[in-house]
N, C-alpha and C. Protein backbone atom coordinates (compact mmCIF):
# COMPACT_ATOMS: atom_id res chain seq x y z
N MET A 1 0.83 -1.18 0.00
CA MET A 1 0.00 0.00 0.00
C MET A 1 0.88 1.24 0.00
N LYS A 2 0.52 2.21 -0.86
CA LYS A 2 1.33 3.42 -0.97
C LYS A 2 0.98 4.43 0.10
N SER A 3 2.02 5.16 0.50
CA SER A 3 1.80 6.23 1.48
C SER A 3 1.16 7.43 0.77
N GLU A 4 0.70 8.37 1.56
CA GLU A 4 0.07 9.59 1.02
C GLU A 4 1.07 10.35 0.14
N SER A 5 2.33 10.45 0.58
CA SER A 5 3.34 11.18 -0.20
C SER A 5 3.64 10.46 -1.51
N GLU A 6 3.63 9.13 -1.52
CA GLU A 6 3.84 8.37 -2.76
C GLU A 6 2.68 8.59 -3.73
N ARG A 7 1.46 8.61 -3.21
CA ARG A 7 0.29 8.86 -4.05
C ARG A 7 0.31 10.27 -4.62
N GLU A 8 0.74 11.25 -3.82
CA GLU A 8 0.85 12.63 -4.30
C GLU A 8 1.90 12.75 -5.38
N LEU A 9 3.04 12.08 -5.18
CA LEU A 9 4.09 12.08 -6.19
C LEU A 9 3.60 11.44 -7.48
N ASP A 10 2.92 10.30 -7.39
CA ASP A 10 2.36 9.64 -8.57
C ASP A 10 1.39 10.55 -9.31
N ALA A 11 0.54 11.25 -8.58
CA ALA A 11 -0.43 12.16 -9.19
C ALA A 11 0.29 13.32 -9.88
N LYS A 12 1.34 13.85 -9.24
CA LYS A 12 2.11 14.95 -9.84
C LYS A 12 2.79 14.48 -11.13
N LEU A 13 3.41 13.31 -11.10
CA LEU A 13 4.07 12.78 -12.29
C LEU A 13 3.08 12.52 -13.42
N GLU A 14 1.91 12.01 -13.09
CA GLU A 14 0.88 11.77 -14.10
C GLU A 14 0.40 13.08 -14.72
N ALA A 15 0.23 14.11 -13.91
CA ALA A 15 -0.19 15.42 -14.41
C ALA A 15 0.88 16.00 -15.35
N GLU A 16 2.15 15.87 -14.98
CA GLU A 16 3.24 16.34 -15.84
C GLU A 16 3.27 15.58 -17.15
N ARG A 17 3.08 14.27 -17.10
CA ARG A 17 3.07 13.43 -18.30
C ARG A 17 1.92 13.82 -19.23
N THR A 18 0.75 14.06 -18.64
CA THR A 18 -0.42 14.45 -19.44
C THR A 18 -0.18 15.79 -20.13
N LEU A 19 0.39 16.74 -19.42
CA LEU A 19 0.70 18.05 -19.99
C LEU A 19 1.73 17.92 -21.11
N ARG A 20 2.78 17.15 -20.89
CA ARG A 20 3.81 16.95 -21.90
C ARG A 20 3.25 16.28 -23.14
N ASP A 21 2.39 15.28 -22.96
CA ASP A 21 1.81 14.57 -24.10
C ASP A 21 0.87 15.45 -24.90
N ALA A 22 0.22 16.40 -24.24
CA ALA A 22 -0.71 17.30 -24.93
C ALA A 22 0.04 18.31 -25.80
N SER A 23 1.25 18.69 -25.40
CA SER A 23 2.02 19.67 -26.15
C SER A 23 3.51 19.35 -26.04
N PRO A 24 3.96 18.29 -26.73
CA PRO A 24 5.38 17.91 -26.62
C PRO A 24 6.30 18.98 -27.21
N GLU A 25 7.49 19.09 -26.64
CA GLU A 25 8.47 20.05 -27.14
C GLU A 25 8.99 19.64 -28.51
N ARG A 26 9.10 18.36 -28.74
CA ARG A 26 9.61 17.85 -30.02
C ARG A 26 8.61 16.85 -30.58
N ARG A 27 8.40 16.92 -31.89
CA ARG A 27 7.49 16.00 -32.56
C ARG A 27 8.25 15.34 -33.71
N TRP A 28 7.84 14.12 -34.00
CA TRP A 28 8.53 13.32 -35.01
C TRP A 28 7.52 12.77 -36.01
N GLU A 29 8.00 12.53 -37.22
CA GLU A 29 7.20 11.83 -38.22
C GLU A 29 8.07 10.69 -38.76
N TYR A 30 7.40 9.70 -39.32
CA TYR A 30 8.10 8.48 -39.73
C TYR A 30 7.68 8.09 -41.13
N THR A 31 8.57 7.39 -41.83
CA THR A 31 8.25 6.83 -43.13
C THR A 31 8.99 5.51 -43.27
N VAL A 32 8.51 4.69 -44.19
CA VAL A 32 9.15 3.40 -44.46
C VAL A 32 9.44 3.31 -45.95
N LEU A 33 10.68 2.99 -46.29
CA LEU A 33 11.10 2.77 -47.66
C LEU A 33 11.25 1.27 -47.84
N ARG A 34 10.53 0.69 -48.80
CA ARG A 34 10.61 -0.76 -49.05
C ARG A 34 11.28 -1.00 -50.38
N LEU A 35 12.31 -1.84 -50.38
CA LEU A 35 13.06 -2.17 -51.59
C LEU A 35 13.28 -3.68 -51.64
N GLY A 36 13.35 -4.22 -52.85
CA GLY A 36 13.71 -5.62 -53.01
C GLY A 36 15.10 -5.85 -52.46
N THR A 37 15.39 -7.10 -52.09
CA THR A 37 16.67 -7.39 -51.43
C THR A 37 17.87 -7.14 -52.34
N LYS A 38 17.68 -7.14 -53.66
CA LYS A 38 18.80 -6.90 -54.58
C LYS A 38 18.86 -5.46 -55.06
N ALA A 39 17.94 -4.62 -54.63
CA ALA A 39 17.92 -3.22 -55.06
C ALA A 39 19.00 -2.43 -54.35
N ARG A 40 19.48 -1.39 -55.01
CA ARG A 40 20.46 -0.48 -54.41
C ARG A 40 19.71 0.58 -53.60
N ALA A 41 20.09 0.74 -52.37
CA ALA A 41 19.37 1.65 -51.48
C ALA A 41 19.99 3.05 -51.40
N GLU A 42 21.21 3.22 -51.89
CA GLU A 42 21.92 4.48 -51.67
C GLU A 42 21.17 5.69 -52.23
N LEU A 43 20.70 5.62 -53.46
CA LEU A 43 20.05 6.78 -54.08
C LEU A 43 18.80 7.19 -53.31
N PRO A 44 17.82 6.29 -53.09
CA PRO A 44 16.64 6.74 -52.36
C PRO A 44 16.95 7.16 -50.92
N LEU A 45 17.90 6.51 -50.27
CA LEU A 45 18.26 6.91 -48.91
C LEU A 45 18.93 8.28 -48.90
N ASN A 46 19.80 8.56 -49.88
CA ASN A 46 20.43 9.87 -49.96
C ASN A 46 19.40 10.97 -50.25
N GLU A 47 18.42 10.65 -51.09
CA GLU A 47 17.36 11.63 -51.37
C GLU A 47 16.55 11.93 -50.11
N LEU A 48 16.21 10.89 -49.36
CA LEU A 48 15.47 11.10 -48.12
C LEU A 48 16.33 11.82 -47.08
N GLY A 49 17.62 11.47 -47.00
CA GLY A 49 18.53 12.15 -46.08
C GLY A 49 18.64 13.63 -46.38
N ALA A 50 18.64 13.99 -47.66
CA ALA A 50 18.70 15.40 -48.04
C ALA A 50 17.44 16.15 -47.63
N LYS A 51 16.36 15.43 -47.41
CA LYS A 51 15.10 16.04 -46.96
C LYS A 51 14.95 15.99 -45.44
N GLY A 52 16.01 15.57 -44.74
CA GLY A 52 15.99 15.58 -43.28
C GLY A 52 15.66 14.26 -42.62
N TRP A 53 15.44 13.20 -43.40
CA TRP A 53 15.10 11.90 -42.82
C TRP A 53 16.36 11.21 -42.32
N GLN A 54 16.24 10.51 -41.19
CA GLN A 54 17.35 9.77 -40.60
C GLN A 54 16.94 8.31 -40.49
N LEU A 55 17.83 7.43 -40.94
CA LEU A 55 17.58 5.99 -40.87
C LEU A 55 17.70 5.52 -39.43
N VAL A 56 16.68 4.79 -38.96
CA VAL A 56 16.73 4.30 -37.59
C VAL A 56 16.76 2.78 -37.51
N GLN A 57 16.27 2.09 -38.56
CA GLN A 57 16.29 0.63 -38.52
C GLN A 57 16.03 0.07 -39.92
N VAL A 58 16.60 -1.11 -40.17
CA VAL A 58 16.35 -1.85 -41.41
C VAL A 58 16.02 -3.28 -41.02
N ILE A 59 14.94 -3.81 -41.61
CA ILE A 59 14.62 -5.22 -41.39
C ILE A 59 14.33 -5.87 -42.73
N GLU A 60 14.59 -7.16 -42.83
CA GLU A 60 14.26 -7.93 -44.02
C GLU A 60 13.00 -8.73 -43.71
N THR A 61 12.01 -8.58 -44.57
CA THR A 61 10.75 -9.27 -44.35
C THR A 61 10.04 -9.51 -45.67
N ASP A 62 9.47 -10.68 -45.84
CA ASP A 62 8.68 -11.02 -47.02
C ASP A 62 9.38 -10.70 -48.34
N GLY A 63 10.67 -10.96 -48.42
CA GLY A 63 11.40 -10.78 -49.67
C GLY A 63 11.80 -9.35 -49.99
N HIS A 64 11.68 -8.45 -49.06
CA HIS A 64 12.14 -7.08 -49.28
C HIS A 64 12.79 -6.52 -48.01
N LEU A 65 13.47 -5.40 -48.19
CA LEU A 65 14.05 -4.69 -47.06
C LEU A 65 13.15 -3.51 -46.72
N ALA A 66 12.91 -3.31 -45.46
CA ALA A 66 12.12 -2.17 -44.99
C ALA A 66 13.06 -1.25 -44.21
N PHE A 67 13.23 -0.04 -44.72
CA PHE A 67 14.08 0.97 -44.10
C PHE A 67 13.17 1.93 -43.34
N TYR A 68 13.31 1.99 -42.03
CA TYR A 68 12.48 2.87 -41.20
C TYR A 68 13.25 4.15 -40.94
N LEU A 69 12.62 5.28 -41.26
CA LEU A 69 13.26 6.58 -41.12
C LEU A 69 12.38 7.52 -40.30
N GLU A 70 13.03 8.49 -39.65
CA GLU A 70 12.32 9.49 -38.88
C GLU A 70 12.93 10.86 -39.13
N ARG A 71 12.12 11.89 -38.88
CA ARG A 71 12.64 13.26 -38.88
C ARG A 71 11.78 14.09 -37.94
N GLU A 72 12.42 15.10 -37.39
CA GLU A 72 11.72 15.97 -36.46
C GLU A 72 10.80 16.90 -37.24
N VAL A 73 9.61 17.09 -36.73
CA VAL A 73 8.66 18.03 -37.32
C VAL A 73 8.96 19.38 -36.70
N VAL A 74 9.37 20.33 -37.52
CA VAL A 74 9.70 21.67 -37.04
C VAL A 74 8.45 22.52 -37.17
N PRO A 75 8.00 23.12 -36.07
CA PRO A 75 6.79 23.93 -36.14
C PRO A 75 6.98 25.13 -37.05
N ILE A 76 5.94 25.47 -37.79
CA ILE A 76 5.96 26.67 -38.62
C ILE A 76 5.94 27.86 -37.68
N GLU A 77 6.73 28.87 -37.97
CA GLU A 77 6.90 30.01 -37.07
C GLU A 77 5.57 30.62 -36.67
N SER A 78 4.63 30.77 -37.60
CA SER A 78 3.35 31.39 -37.26
C SER A 78 2.53 30.50 -36.34
N ASP A 79 2.70 29.16 -36.44
CA ASP A 79 2.00 28.25 -35.53
C ASP A 79 2.56 28.35 -34.12
N ALA A 80 3.85 28.60 -34.01
CA ALA A 80 4.50 28.67 -32.71
C ALA A 80 4.20 29.98 -32.00
N ASP A 81 3.80 31.02 -32.77
CA ASP A 81 3.49 32.33 -32.19
C ASP A 81 2.11 32.28 -31.55
N SER A 82 2.05 32.45 -30.26
CA SER A 82 0.78 32.29 -29.54
C SER A 82 -0.22 33.39 -29.82
N ASN A 83 0.22 34.59 -30.23
CA ASN A 83 -0.75 35.66 -30.44
C ASN A 83 -1.19 35.79 -31.89
N GLY A 84 -0.69 34.92 -32.77
CA GLY A 84 -1.13 34.92 -34.16
C GLY A 84 -0.49 35.98 -35.02
N ALA A 85 0.44 36.76 -34.46
CA ALA A 85 1.09 37.80 -35.26
C ALA A 85 2.05 37.18 -36.25
N PRO A 86 2.23 37.77 -37.40
CA PRO A 86 3.18 37.23 -38.37
C PRO A 86 4.60 37.29 -37.82
N PRO A 87 5.46 36.35 -38.25
CA PRO A 87 6.85 36.35 -37.76
C PRO A 87 7.61 37.58 -38.27
N ASP A 88 8.65 37.98 -37.53
CA ASP A 88 9.47 39.14 -37.93
C ASP A 88 10.28 38.85 -39.15
């Protein structure tokens, strides 16, 4: 059984987690590139890398390679401005 202070700490941590999840400081998006096992991956991976994508994992499945990539979603300046004024 938890003490009162442990329950208060749990409630505080849950409230912080809920707030963070509602408006995270960093956001990510993901994509998957699928190529046959004999295909050359350099060109499409370099093209995606030039667009900000970072390779995080590769798996072989069902006769092809799946390249999992991620990149950070950068907020548009006007979206980040809370008062709606245009950016400087």
